[in-house]
């Protein structure tokens, strides 16, 4: 009899207890819903191009209603494919795919050696008139030393030593308009204004580009991505 009472006591402790306070009911235990496989959030597919994401969308549209899917342009380097929130599934929103750009950007607002600056300017920027002008100035500065630096915030006049006694003047106009590679290659790279500066560092000339557009390029890049996706898909694009 004692054993039976002991067992009944253990079983009673395992029961979920519900308490009514006023008009509200409270439980001391949390309940967890057992979900079917189709209610489980899938592991997102990861792509490094917008075209890869678009091709994936065209494949899954055979099994999903196109109006139920939508794209969010999160940033110039991230795009997500999502489904609607399901009220019958705890309002979970399925994350089907993501396009993310593993781009190595130019280090703005940082001083670079002249050689590194030239290499990065040639490999990380579109060819523009200002880019060509900068490269022409850089070639004239190679292996030289600034002996005088006049900076009025709009232009920079450098007097450089080209030999034992010879000196030459180099004029640097600002701002410069450049197109760095900063977003997906399928869309146009936004142009931005930059402030170009030179200085002596460790007995050699260093150069730097300082951002001067207040981040406006990011808005332009997002709009370029959105326009491209609207033209290449049949689902809603938010950006």
Foldseek 3Di string as FASTA:
>chain_A
DVVVVVVVVVVVVPDWDWDDDPNDIDTPDDDDDDDDPVLDADDAAEAAAPVVVLVVVVVCVVPDPQAQWEKELPWQFKIWIWGFQDPVNVRDIHTHYMHGHPDDFDDAPDKDALVVVLVCLVVFWDDDPLSVVVNVLSVVQPPWAFPDWDDPPAKIWTWIDPDPPDIDIDIGGDFTWTFGPDHHPVFGGDIFTWRKDWDDDPRGIIIHTHGDDVPVSTVVSSVRVQVVCVVSHDYHYHD
